[in-house]
PDB file of all heavy atoms in Angstrom:
ATOM      1  N   ARG A   1     -13.725  15.016  21.777  1.00  0.00           N
ATOM      2  CA  ARG A   1     -14.564  13.726  21.782  1.00  0.00           C
ATOM      3  C   ARG A   1     -14.675  13.257  20.346  1.00  0.00           C
ATOM      4  O   ARG A   1     -15.403  12.234  20.051  1.00  0.00           O
ATOM      5  CB  ARG A   1     -15.868  13.947  22.439  1.00  0.00           C
ATOM      6  CG  ARG A   1     -15.704  14.245  23.879  1.00  0.00           C
ATOM      7  CD  ARG A   1     -17.035  14.589  24.591  1.00  0.00           C
ATOM      8  NE  ARG A   1     -16.844  14.922  26.001  1.00  0.00           N
ATOM      9  CZ  ARG A   1     -17.821  15.451  26.794  1.00  0.00           C
ATOM     10  NH1 ARG A   1     -18.986  15.490  26.358  1.00  0.00           N
ATOM     11  NH2 ARG A   1     -17.481  15.749  28.000  1.00  0.00           N
ATOM     12  N   VAL A   2     -14.154  13.995  19.380  1.00  0.00           N
ATOM     13  CA  VAL A   2     -14.309  13.719  17.942  1.00  0.00           C
ATOM     14  C   VAL A   2     -12.837  13.784  17.263  1.00  0.00           C
ATOM     15  O   VAL A   2     -12.255  14.826  17.444  1.00  0.00           O
ATOM     16  CB  VAL A   2     -15.333  14.591  17.309  1.00  0.00           C
ATOM     17  CG1 VAL A   2     -15.451  14.300  15.773  1.00  0.00           C
ATOM     18  CG2 VAL A   2     -16.607  14.613  18.045  1.00  0.00           C
ATOM     19  N   ALA A   3     -12.567  12.776  16.471  1.00  0.00           N
ATOM     20  CA  ALA A   3     -11.275  12.826  15.732  1.00  0.00           C
ATOM     21  C   ALA A   3     -11.319  12.037  14.489  1.00  0.00           C
ATOM     22  O   ALA A   3     -12.209  11.173  14.272  1.00  0.00           O
ATOM     23  CB  ALA A   3     -10.189  12.307  16.704  1.00  0.00           C
ATOM     24  N   SER A   4     -10.462  12.506  13.617  1.00  0.00           N
ATOM     25  CA  SER A   4     -10.279  11.785  12.356  1.00  0.00           C
ATOM     26  C   SER A   4      -8.833  11.625  12.002  1.00  0.00           C
ATOM     27  O   SER A   4      -8.063  12.473  12.517  1.00  0.00           O
ATOM     28  CB  SER A   4     -11.074  12.431  11.177  1.00  0.00           C
ATOM     29  OG  SER A   4     -10.392  13.750  10.906  1.00  0.00           O
ATOM     30  N   PHE A   5      -8.496  10.565  11.344  1.00  0.00           N
ATOM     31  CA  PHE A   5      -7.049  10.246  11.071  1.00  0.00           C
ATOM     32  C   PHE A   5      -6.867   9.666   9.660  1.00  0.00           C
ATOM     33  O   PHE A   5      -7.633   8.719   9.269  1.00  0.00           O
ATOM     34  CB  PHE A   5      -6.539   9.398  11.997  1.00  0.00           C
ATOM     35  CG  PHE A   5      -5.044   9.053  11.773  1.00  0.00           C
ATOM     36  CD1 PHE A   5      -4.087   9.968  11.962  1.00  0.00           C
ATOM     37  CD2 PHE A   5      -4.703   7.700  11.536  1.00  0.00           C
ATOM     38  CE1 PHE A   5      -2.667   9.623  11.735  1.00  0.00           C
ATOM     39  CE2 PHE A   5      -3.373   7.305  11.314  1.00  0.00           C
ATOM     40  CZ  PHE A   5      -2.329   8.347  11.456  1.00  0.00           C
ATOM     41  N   MET A   6      -6.042  10.252   8.874  1.00  0.00           N
ATOM     42  CA  MET A   6      -5.648   9.648   7.570  1.00  0.00           C
ATOM     43  C   MET A   6      -4.267   9.017   7.649  1.00  0.00           C
ATOM     44  O   MET A   6      -3.226   9.749   7.866  1.00  0.00           O
ATOM     45  CB  MET A   6      -5.657  10.734   6.482  1.00  0.00           C
ATOM     46  CG  MET A   6      -7.032  11.338   6.218  1.00  0.00           C
ATOM     47  SD  MET A   6      -7.030  12.539   4.863  1.00  0.00           S
ATOM     48  CE  MET A   6      -6.938  11.438   3.423  1.00  0.00           C
ATOM     49  N   PHE A   7      -4.168   7.706   7.534  1.00  0.00           N
ATOM     50  CA  PHE A   7      -2.978   7.037   7.527  1.00  0.00           C
ATOM     51  C   PHE A   7      -2.073   7.539   6.439  1.00  0.00           C
ATOM     52  O   PHE A   7      -0.715   7.651   6.481  1.00  0.00           O
ATOM     53  CB  PHE A   7      -3.086   5.506   7.383  1.00  0.00           C
ATOM     54  CG  PHE A   7      -3.341   4.866   8.533  1.00  0.00           C
ATOM     55  CD1 PHE A   7      -4.697   4.731   9.077  1.00  0.00           C
ATOM     56  CD2 PHE A   7      -2.409   4.189   9.376  1.00  0.00           C
ATOM     57  CE1 PHE A   7      -5.001   4.038  10.285  1.00  0.00           C
ATOM     58  CE2 PHE A   7      -2.681   3.508  10.507  1.00  0.00           C
ATOM     59  CZ  PHE A   7      -4.033   3.486  10.941  1.00  0.00           C
ATOM     60  N   ALA A   8      -2.603   7.934   5.305  1.00  0.00           N
ATOM     61  CA  ALA A   8      -1.858   8.590   4.176  1.00  0.00           C
ATOM     62  C   ALA A   8      -2.917   9.203   3.295  1.00  0.00           C
ATOM     63  O   ALA A   8      -4.126   8.893   3.370  1.00  0.00           O
ATOM     64  CB  ALA A   8      -1.082   7.536   3.499  1.00  0.00           C
ATOM     65  N   ASN A   9      -2.498  10.102   2.345  1.00  0.00           N
ATOM     66  CA  ASN A   9      -3.403  10.725   1.419  1.00  0.00           C
ATOM     67  C   ASN A   9      -3.791   9.593   0.431  1.00  0.00           C
ATOM     68  O   ASN A   9      -3.307   8.523   0.264  1.00  0.00           O
ATOM     69  CB  ASN A   9      -2.706  11.791   0.624  1.00  0.00           C
ATOM     70  CG  ASN A   9      -2.471  13.049   1.547  1.00  0.00           C
ATOM     71  OD1 ASN A   9      -3.099  13.229   2.586  1.00  0.00           O
ATOM     72  ND2 ASN A   9      -1.517  13.863   1.130  1.00  0.00           N
ATOM     73  N   ASP A  10      -4.949   9.916  -0.311  1.00  0.00           N
ATOM     74  CA  ASP A  10      -5.500   9.128  -1.414  1.00  0.00           C
ATOM     75  C   ASP A  10      -4.402   8.883  -2.413  1.00  0.00           C
ATOM     76  O   ASP A  10      -3.525   9.792  -2.664  1.00  0.00           O
ATOM     77  CB  ASP A  10      -6.752   9.701  -1.925  1.00  0.00           C
ATOM     78  CG  ASP A  10      -7.431   8.770  -2.927  1.00  0.00           C
ATOM     79  OD1 ASP A  10      -7.198   7.555  -2.878  1.00  0.00           O
ATOM     80  OD2 ASP A  10      -8.232   9.284  -3.740  1.00  0.00           O
ATOM     81  N   VAL A  11      -4.394   7.898  -3.192  1.00  0.00           N
ATOM     82  CA  VAL A  11      -3.414   7.547  -4.190  1.00  0.00           C
ATOM     83  C   VAL A  11      -2.016   7.498  -3.694  1.00  0.00           C
ATOM     84  O   VAL A  11      -1.040   7.870  -4.299  1.00  0.00           O
ATOM     85  CB  VAL A  11      -3.611   8.567  -5.407  1.00  0.00           C
ATOM     86  CG1 VAL A  11      -2.948   7.985  -6.686  1.00  0.00           C
ATOM     87  CG2 VAL A  11      -5.009   8.900  -5.672  1.00  0.00           C
ATOM     88  N   SER A  12      -1.913   7.150  -2.406  1.00  0.00           N
ATOM     89  CA  SER A  12      -0.585   7.120  -1.729  1.00  0.00           C
ATOM     90  C   SER A  12       0.319   6.179  -2.288  1.00  0.00           C
ATOM     91  O   SER A  12       0.028   4.903  -2.464  1.00  0.00           O
ATOM     92  CB  SER A  12      -0.761   6.889  -0.230  1.00  0.00           C
ATOM     93  OG  SER A  12       0.570   6.731   0.312  1.00  0.00           O
ATOM     94  N   GLY A  13       1.541   6.535  -2.718  1.00  0.00           N
ATOM     95  CA  GLY A  13       2.483   5.651  -3.302  1.00  0.00           C
ATOM     96  C   GLY A  13       3.510   5.277  -2.114  1.00  0.00           C
ATOM     97  O   GLY A  13       4.646   4.875  -2.424  1.00  0.00           O
ATOM     98  N   ARG A  14       3.161   5.454  -0.914  1.00  0.00           N
ATOM     99  CA  ARG A  14       4.041   5.190   0.217  1.00  0.00           C
ATOM    100  C   ARG A  14       4.719   3.822   0.105  1.00  0.00           C
ATOM    101  O   ARG A  14       4.145   2.810  -0.241  1.00  0.00           O
ATOM    102  CB  ARG A  14       3.199   5.217   1.557  1.00  0.00           C
ATOM    103  CG  ARG A  14       3.885   4.670   2.813  1.00  0.00           C
ATOM    104  CD  ARG A  14       4.973   5.545   3.299  1.00  0.00           C
ATOM    105  NE  ARG A  14       4.367   6.837   3.698  1.00  0.00           N
ATOM    106  CZ  ARG A  14       5.138   7.881   4.187  1.00  0.00           C
ATOM    107  NH1 ARG A  14       6.471   7.698   4.275  1.00  0.00           N
ATOM    108  NH2 ARG A  14       4.475   8.951   4.514  1.00  0.00           N
ATOM    109  N   ASN A  15       6.041   3.852   0.302  1.00  0.00           N
ATOM    110  CA  ASN A  15       6.839   2.644   0.136  1.00  0.00           C
ATOM    111  C   ASN A  15       6.801   1.899   1.473  1.00  0.00           C
ATOM    112  O   ASN A  15       7.033   2.339   2.555  1.00  0.00           O
ATOM    113  CB  ASN A  15       8.306   3.101  -0.152  1.00  0.00           C
ATOM    114  CG  ASN A  15       9.175   1.863  -0.534  1.00  0.00           C
ATOM    115  OD1 ASN A  15       9.219   0.898   0.186  1.00  0.00           O
ATOM    116  ND2 ASN A  15       9.773   1.910  -1.752  1.00  0.00           N
ATOM    117  N   PHE A  16       6.367   0.530   1.343  1.00  0.00           N
ATOM    118  CA  PHE A  16       6.235  -0.373   2.521  1.00  0.00           C
ATOM    119  C   PHE A  16       7.395  -1.365   2.554  1.00  0.00           C
ATOM    120  O   PHE A  16       7.144  -2.528   2.997  1.00  0.00           O
ATOM    121  CB  PHE A  16       4.870  -0.998   2.526  1.00  0.00           C
ATOM    122  CG  PHE A  16       3.761  -0.100   3.059  1.00  0.00           C
ATOM    123  CD1 PHE A  16       3.175   0.865   2.274  1.00  0.00           C
ATOM    124  CD2 PHE A  16       3.355  -0.218   4.388  1.00  0.00           C
ATOM    125  CE1 PHE A  16       2.205   1.676   2.849  1.00  0.00           C
ATOM    126  CE2 PHE A  16       2.430   0.565   4.859  1.00  0.00           C
ATOM    127  CZ  PHE A  16       1.813   1.518   4.167  1.00  0.00           C
ATOM    128  N   SER A  17       8.523  -1.029   2.030  1.00  0.00           N
ATOM    129  CA  SER A  17       9.648  -2.060   1.943  1.00  0.00           C
ATOM    130  C   SER A  17      10.119  -2.387   3.423  1.00  0.00           C
ATOM    131  O   SER A  17      10.901  -3.350   3.469  1.00  0.00           O
ATOM    132  CB  SER A  17      10.710  -1.478   1.189  1.00  0.00           C
ATOM    133  OG  SER A  17      11.265  -0.249   1.658  1.00  0.00           O
ATOM    134  N   PHE A  18       9.632  -1.753   4.355  1.00  0.00           N
ATOM    135  CA  PHE A  18       9.955  -2.137   5.713  1.00  0.00           C
ATOM    136  C   PHE A  18       9.200  -3.413   6.107  1.00  0.00           C
ATOM    137  O   PHE A  18       9.582  -4.029   7.186  1.00  0.00           O
ATOM    138  CB  PHE A  18       9.725  -0.924   6.729  1.00  0.00           C
ATOM    139  CG  PHE A  18       8.297  -0.497   6.828  1.00  0.00           C
ATOM    140  CD1 PHE A  18       7.396  -1.233   7.517  1.00  0.00           C
ATOM    141  CD2 PHE A  18       7.859   0.670   6.146  1.00  0.00           C
ATOM    142  CE1 PHE A  18       5.991  -0.801   7.589  1.00  0.00           C
ATOM    143  CE2 PHE A  18       6.613   1.078   6.205  1.00  0.00           C
ATOM    144  CZ  PHE A  18       5.647   0.421   6.873  1.00  0.00           C
ATOM    145  N   LEU A  19       8.233  -3.882   5.372  1.00  0.00           N
ATOM    146  CA  LEU A  19       7.576  -5.091   5.572  1.00  0.00           C
ATOM    147  C   LEU A  19       8.198  -6.173   4.755  1.00  0.00           C
ATOM    148  O   LEU A  19       8.604  -5.971   3.614  1.00  0.00           O
ATOM    149  CB  LEU A  19       6.124  -5.001   5.148  1.00  0.00           C
ATOM    150  CG  LEU A  19       5.215  -3.995   5.908  1.00  0.00           C
ATOM    151  CD1 LEU A  19       3.809  -3.937   5.359  1.00  0.00           C
ATOM    152  CD2 LEU A  19       5.137  -4.337   7.458  1.00  0.00           C
ATOM    153  N   ASP A  20       8.460  -7.329   5.454  1.00  0.00           N
ATOM    154  CA  ASP A  20       9.095  -8.496   4.784  1.00  0.00           C
ATOM    155  C   ASP A  20       8.390  -8.800   3.502  1.00  0.00           C
ATOM    156  O   ASP A  20       7.153  -9.038   3.442  1.00  0.00           O
ATOM    157  CB  ASP A  20       9.140  -9.632   5.653  1.00  0.00           C
ATOM    158  CG  ASP A  20      10.094  -9.455   6.824  1.00  0.00           C
ATOM    159  OD1 ASP A  20      11.014  -8.633   6.693  1.00  0.00           O
ATOM    160  OD2 ASP A  20      10.024 -10.243   7.844  1.00  0.00           O
ATOM    161  N   GLY A  21       9.134  -8.874   2.365  1.00  0.00           N
ATOM    162  CA  GLY A  21       8.567  -9.323   1.166  1.00  0.00           C
ATOM    163  C   GLY A  21       7.809  -8.347   0.325  1.00  0.00           C
ATOM    164  O   GLY A  21       7.263  -8.670  -0.725  1.00  0.00           O
ATOM    165  N   VAL A  22       7.807  -7.089   0.774  1.00  0.00           N
ATOM    166  CA  VAL A  22       7.060  -5.987   0.063  1.00  0.00           C
ATOM    167  C   VAL A  22       8.056  -5.110  -0.653  1.00  0.00           C
ATOM    168  O   VAL A  22       8.967  -4.606   0.051  1.00  0.00           O
ATOM    169  CB  VAL A  22       6.147  -5.138   1.070  1.00  0.00           C
ATOM    170  CG1 VAL A  22       5.475  -4.058   0.358  1.00  0.00           C
ATOM    171  CG2 VAL A  22       5.136  -6.003   1.767  1.00  0.00           C
ATOM    172  N   LYS A  23       7.805  -4.879  -1.905  1.00  0.00           N
ATOM    173  CA  LYS A  23       8.653  -3.998  -2.710  1.00  0.00           C
ATOM    174  C   LYS A  23       7.716  -3.070  -3.563  1.00  0.00           C
ATOM    175  O   LYS A  23       6.711  -3.515  -4.035  1.00  0.00           O
ATOM    176  CB  LYS A  23       9.559  -4.685  -3.556  1.00  0.00           C
ATOM    177  CG  LYS A  23      10.637  -5.718  -2.866  1.00  0.00           C
ATOM    178  CD  LYS A  23      11.477  -6.439  -3.842  1.00  0.00           C
ATOM    179  CE  LYS A  23      12.421  -7.270  -3.161  1.00  0.00           C
ATOM    180  NZ  LYS A  23      13.308  -8.043  -4.075  1.00  0.00           N
ATOM    181  N   GLY A  24       8.009  -1.831  -3.661  1.00  0.00           N
ATOM    182  CA  GLY A  24       7.284  -0.882  -4.417  1.00  0.00           C
ATOM    183  C   GLY A  24       6.234  -0.165  -3.551  1.00  0.00           C
ATOM    184  O   GLY A  24       6.187  -0.320  -2.428  1.00  0.00           O
ATOM    185  N   GLY A  25       5.592   0.778  -4.211  1.00  0.00           N
ATOM    186  CA  GLY A  25       4.628   1.626  -3.540  1.00  0.00           C
ATOM    187  C   GLY A  25       3.243   1.002  -3.261  1.00  0.00           C
ATOM    188  O   GLY A  25       2.861   0.082  -3.987  1.00  0.00           O
ATOM    189  N   HIS A  26       2.510   1.606  -2.367  1.00  0.00           N
ATOM    190  CA  HIS A  26       1.217   1.156  -2.025  1.00  0.00           C
ATOM    191  C   HIS A  26       0.161   1.175  -3.108  1.00  0.00           C
ATOM    192  O   HIS A  26      -0.489   0.203  -3.466  1.00  0.00           O
ATOM    193  CB  HIS A  26       0.665   1.870  -0.783  1.00  0.00           C
ATOM    194  CG  HIS A  26      -0.529   1.349  -0.177  1.00  0.00           C
ATOM    195  ND1 HIS A  26      -1.199   1.965   0.750  1.00  0.00           N
ATOM    196  CD2 HIS A  26      -1.266   0.190  -0.415  1.00  0.00           C
ATOM    197  CE1 HIS A  26      -2.247   1.284   1.182  1.00  0.00           C
ATOM    198  NE2 HIS A  26      -2.370   0.208   0.438  1.00  0.00           N
ATOM    199  N   HIS A  27       0.204   2.375  -3.814  1.00  0.00           N
ATOM    200  CA  HIS A  27      -0.841   2.484  -4.820  1.00  0.00           C
ATOM    201  C   HIS A  27      -0.529   1.548  -5.977  1.00  0.00           C
ATOM    202  O   HIS A  27      -1.366   0.883  -6.589  1.00  0.00           O
ATOM    203  CB  HIS A  27      -0.887   3.949  -5.312  1.00  0.00           C
ATOM    204  CG  HIS A  27      -1.797   4.210  -6.472  1.00  0.00           C
ATOM    205  ND1 HIS A  27      -1.453   4.875  -7.619  1.00  0.00           N
ATOM    206  CD2 HIS A  27      -3.171   3.866  -6.599  1.00  0.00           C
ATOM    207  CE1 HIS A  27      -2.513   4.954  -8.420  1.00  0.00           C
ATOM    208  NE2 HIS A  27      -3.556   4.373  -7.744  1.00  0.00           N
ATOM    209  N   GLU A  28       0.693   1.375  -6.335  1.00  0.00           N
ATOM    210  CA  GLU A  28       1.107   0.486  -7.457  1.00  0.00           C
ATOM    211  C   GLU A  28       0.676  -0.995  -7.135  1.00  0.00           C
ATOM    212  O   GLU A  28       0.174  -1.614  -7.972  1.00  0.00           O
ATOM    213  CB  GLU A  28       2.635   0.634  -7.627  1.00  0.00           C
ATOM    214  CG  GLU A  28       3.225  -0.511  -8.678  1.00  0.00           C
ATOM    215  CD  GLU A  28       4.701  -0.614  -8.532  1.00  0.00           C
ATOM    216  OE1 GLU A  28       5.326   0.169  -7.827  1.00  0.00           O
ATOM    217  OE2 GLU A  28       5.225  -1.484  -9.270  1.00  0.00           O
ATOM    218  N   LEU A  29       0.923  -1.358  -5.894  1.00  0.00           N
ATOM    219  CA  LEU A  29       0.650  -2.754  -5.566  1.00  0.00           C
ATOM    220  C   LEU A  29      -0.883  -2.926  -5.426  1.00  0.00           C
ATOM    221  O   LEU A  29      -1.357  -4.134  -5.621  1.00  0.00           O
ATOM    222  CB  LEU A  29       1.280  -3.139  -4.219  1.00  0.00           C
ATOM    223  CG  LEU A  29       2.772  -3.245  -4.210  1.00  0.00           C
ATOM    224  CD1 LEU A  29       3.362  -3.401  -2.881  1.00  0.00           C
ATOM    225  CD2 LEU A  29       3.256  -4.329  -5.017  1.00  0.00           C
ATOM    226  N   SER A  30      -1.689  -1.903  -5.081  1.00  0.00           N
ATOM    227  CA  SER A  30      -3.092  -2.146  -5.029  1.00  0.00           C
ATOM    228  C   SER A  30      -3.695  -2.398  -6.460  1.00  0.00           C
ATOM    229  O   SER A  30      -4.674  -2.967  -6.502  1.00  0.00           O
ATOM    230  CB  SER A  30      -3.757  -0.769  -4.460  1.00  0.00           C
ATOM    231  OG  SER A  30      -3.700   0.243  -5.359  1.00  0.00           O
ATOM    232  N   HIS A  31      -2.994  -1.911  -7.480  1.00  0.00           N
ATOM    233  CA  HIS A  31      -3.314  -2.316  -8.865  1.00  0.00           C
ATOM    234  C   HIS A  31      -2.689  -3.553  -9.272  1.00  0.00           C
ATOM    235  O   HIS A  31      -1.791  -3.698 -10.099  1.00  0.00           O
ATOM    236  CB  HIS A  31      -3.015  -1.154  -9.866  1.00  0.00           C
ATOM    237  CG  HIS A  31      -3.768   0.078  -9.779  1.00  0.00           C
ATOM    238  ND1 HIS A  31      -4.794   0.347 -10.666  1.00  0.00           N
ATOM    239  CD2 HIS A  31      -3.653   1.197  -8.926  1.00  0.00           C
ATOM    240  CE1 HIS A  31      -5.416   1.514 -10.260  1.00  0.00           C
ATOM    241  NE2 HIS A  31      -4.766   1.982  -9.298  1.00  0.00           N
ATOM    242  N   HIS A  32      -3.160  -4.659  -8.517  1.00  0.00           N
ATOM    243  CA  HIS A  32      -2.482  -5.892  -8.597  1.00  0.00           C
ATOM    244  C   HIS A  32      -2.703  -6.651  -9.870  1.00  0.00           C
ATOM    245  O   HIS A  32      -1.951  -7.637 -10.214  1.00  0.00           O
ATOM    246  CB  HIS A  32      -2.986  -6.776  -7.451  1.00  0.00           C
ATOM    247  CG  HIS A  32      -4.482  -6.860  -7.275  1.00  0.00           C
ATOM    248  ND1 HIS A  32      -5.187  -7.587  -8.122  1.00  0.00           N
ATOM    249  CD2 HIS A  32      -5.301  -6.260  -6.440  1.00  0.00           C
ATOM    250  CE1 HIS A  32      -6.444  -7.507  -7.783  1.00  0.00           C
ATOM    251  NE2 HIS A  32      -6.563  -6.696  -6.737  1.00  0.00           N
ATOM    252  N   GLU A  33      -3.762  -6.386 -10.670  1.00  0.00           N
ATOM    253  CA  GLU A  33      -4.088  -6.979 -11.909  1.00  0.00           C
ATOM    254  C   GLU A  33      -4.127  -8.509 -11.798  1.00  0.00           C
ATOM    255  O   GLU A  33      -3.779  -9.272 -12.591  1.00  0.00           O
ATOM    256  CB  GLU A  33      -2.986  -6.621 -12.951  1.00  0.00           C
ATOM    257  CG  GLU A  33      -2.974  -5.188 -13.281  1.00  0.00           C
ATOM    258  CD  GLU A  33      -1.757  -4.791 -14.204  1.00  0.00           C
ATOM    259  OE1 GLU A  33      -0.753  -5.368 -14.001  1.00  0.00           O
ATOM    260  OE2 GLU A  33      -2.029  -3.896 -15.089  1.00  0.00           O
ATOM    261  N   ASN A  34      -4.523  -8.931 -10.536  1.00  0.00           N
ATOM    262  CA  ASN A  34      -4.681 -10.369 -10.147  1.00  0.00           C
ATOM    263  C   ASN A  34      -3.313 -11.103 -10.274  1.00  0.00           C
ATOM    264  O   ASN A  34      -3.335 -12.345 -10.410  1.00  0.00           O
ATOM    265  CB  ASN A  34      -5.716 -10.996 -11.082  1.00  0.00           C
ATOM    266  CG  ASN A  34      -7.195 -10.532 -10.754  1.00  0.00           C
ATOM    267  OD1 ASN A  34      -7.559 -10.425  -9.580  1.00  0.00           O
ATOM    268  ND2 ASN A  34      -7.874 -10.260 -11.723  1.00  0.00           N
ATOM    269  N   ASN A  35      -2.231 -10.400 -10.159  1.00  0.00           N
ATOM    270  CA  ASN A  35      -0.970 -11.007 -10.117  1.00  0.00           C
ATOM    271  C   ASN A  35      -0.712 -11.449  -8.617  1.00  0.00           C
ATOM    272  O   ASN A  35      -0.759 -10.652  -7.728  1.00  0.00           O
ATOM    273  CB  ASN A  35       0.098  -9.976 -10.543  1.00  0.00           C
ATOM    274  CG  ASN A  35       1.573 -10.546 -10.399  1.00  0.00           C
ATOM    275  OD1 ASN A  35       2.002 -10.885  -9.362  1.00  0.00           O
ATOM    276  ND2 ASN A  35       2.228 -10.437 -11.575  1.00  0.00           N
ATOM    277  N   GLN A  36      -0.453 -12.691  -8.503  1.00  0.00           N
ATOM    278  CA  GLN A  36      -0.332 -13.287  -7.131  1.00  0.00           C
ATOM    279  C   GLN A  36       0.715 -12.643  -6.242  1.00  0.00           C
ATOM    280  O   GLN A  36       0.621 -12.434  -5.014  1.00  0.00           O
ATOM    281  CB  GLN A  36      -0.147 -14.805  -7.100  1.00  0.00           C
ATOM    282  CG  GLN A  36      -0.291 -15.470  -5.817  1.00  0.00           C
ATOM    283  CD  GLN A  36      -1.747 -15.312  -5.264  1.00  0.00           C
ATOM    284  OE1 GLN A  36      -2.749 -15.218  -5.878  1.00  0.00           O
ATOM    285  NE2 GLN A  36      -1.742 -15.126  -3.896  1.00  0.00           N
ATOM    286  N   LYS A  37       1.866 -12.256  -6.879  1.00  0.00           N
ATOM    287  CA  LYS A  37       3.003 -11.695  -6.138  1.00  0.00           C
ATOM    288  C   LYS A  37       2.530 -10.339  -5.584  1.00  0.00           C
ATOM    289  O   LYS A  37       2.840  -9.932  -4.476  1.00  0.00           O
ATOM    290  CB  LYS A  37       4.265 -11.671  -6.950  1.00  0.00           C
ATOM    291  CG  LYS A  37       4.868 -13.003  -7.251  1.00  0.00           C
ATOM    292  CD  LYS A  37       6.275 -12.917  -7.992  1.00  0.00           C
ATOM    293  CE  LYS A  37       6.797 -14.221  -8.209  1.00  0.00           C
ATOM    294  NZ  LYS A  37       8.013 -14.018  -8.973  1.00  0.00           N
ATOM    295  N   LYS A  38       1.889  -9.527  -6.491  1.00  0.00           N
ATOM    296  CA  LYS A  38       1.446  -8.257  -6.044  1.00  0.00           C
ATOM    297  C   LYS A  38       0.350  -8.373  -5.034  1.00  0.00           C
ATOM    298  O   LYS A  38       0.250  -7.584  -4.025  1.00  0.00           O
ATOM    299  CB  LYS A  38       0.884  -7.490  -7.237  1.00  0.00           C
ATOM    300  CG  LYS A  38       1.970  -6.816  -8.081  1.00  0.00           C
ATOM    301  CD  LYS A  38       1.314  -5.867  -9.147  1.00  0.00           C
ATOM    302  CE  LYS A  38       2.305  -5.140 -10.001  1.00  0.00           C
ATOM    303  NZ  LYS A  38       1.816  -4.205 -10.895  1.00  0.00           N
ATOM    304  N   ILE A  39      -0.549  -9.272  -5.143  1.00  0.00           N
ATOM    305  CA  ILE A  39      -1.663  -9.537  -4.167  1.00  0.00           C
ATOM    306  C   ILE A  39      -1.109  -9.853  -2.811  1.00  0.00           C
ATOM    307  O   ILE A  39      -1.528  -9.315  -1.759  1.00  0.00           O
ATOM    308  CB  ILE A  39      -2.577 -10.656  -4.635  1.00  0.00           C
ATOM    309  CG1 ILE A  39      -3.394 -10.198  -5.934  1.00  0.00           C
ATOM    310  CG2 ILE A  39      -3.515 -11.144  -3.546  1.00  0.00           C
ATOM    311  CD1 ILE A  39      -4.179 -11.366  -6.502  1.00  0.00           C
ATOM    312  N   GLU A  40      -0.053 -10.663  -2.712  1.00  0.00           N
ATOM    313  CA  GLU A  40       0.501 -11.024  -1.379  1.00  0.00           C
ATOM    314  C   GLU A  40       1.069  -9.792  -0.803  1.00  0.00           C
ATOM    315  O   GLU A  40       0.919  -9.619   0.447  1.00  0.00           O
ATOM    316  CB  GLU A  40       1.623 -12.075  -1.710  1.00  0.00           C
ATOM    317  CG  GLU A  40       1.033 -13.439  -1.991  1.00  0.00           C
ATOM    318  CD  GLU A  40       2.121 -14.461  -2.368  1.00  0.00           C
ATOM    319  OE1 GLU A  40       3.380 -14.067  -2.315  1.00  0.00           O
ATOM    320  OE2 GLU A  40       1.787 -15.591  -2.675  1.00  0.00           O
ATOM    321  N   GLN A  41       1.708  -8.924  -1.438  1.00  0.00           N
ATOM    322  CA  GLN A  41       2.337  -7.726  -0.997  1.00  0.00           C
ATOM    323  C   GLN A  41       1.274  -6.779  -0.533  1.00  0.00           C
ATOM    324  O   GLN A  41       1.305  -6.110   0.518  1.00  0.00           O
ATOM    325  CB  GLN A  41       3.275  -7.039  -2.017  1.00  0.00           C
ATOM    326  CG  GLN A  41       4.483  -7.937  -2.242  1.00  0.00           C
ATOM    327  CD  GLN A  41       5.364  -7.299  -3.345  1.00  0.00           C
ATOM    328  OE1 GLN A  41       6.061  -6.337  -3.087  1.00  0.00           O
ATOM    329  NE2 GLN A  41       5.367  -7.844  -4.567  1.00  0.00           N
TER     330      GLN A  41
END
């Protein structure tokens, strides 16, 4: 009756290039520096 799930570890650099328009790792893109292209991904 109790479960937990981690989609990925913290600081995950998982590549999400299977999504249209996404290039690079998750952690890298989260540090978007207010760059609009990074924010969109």
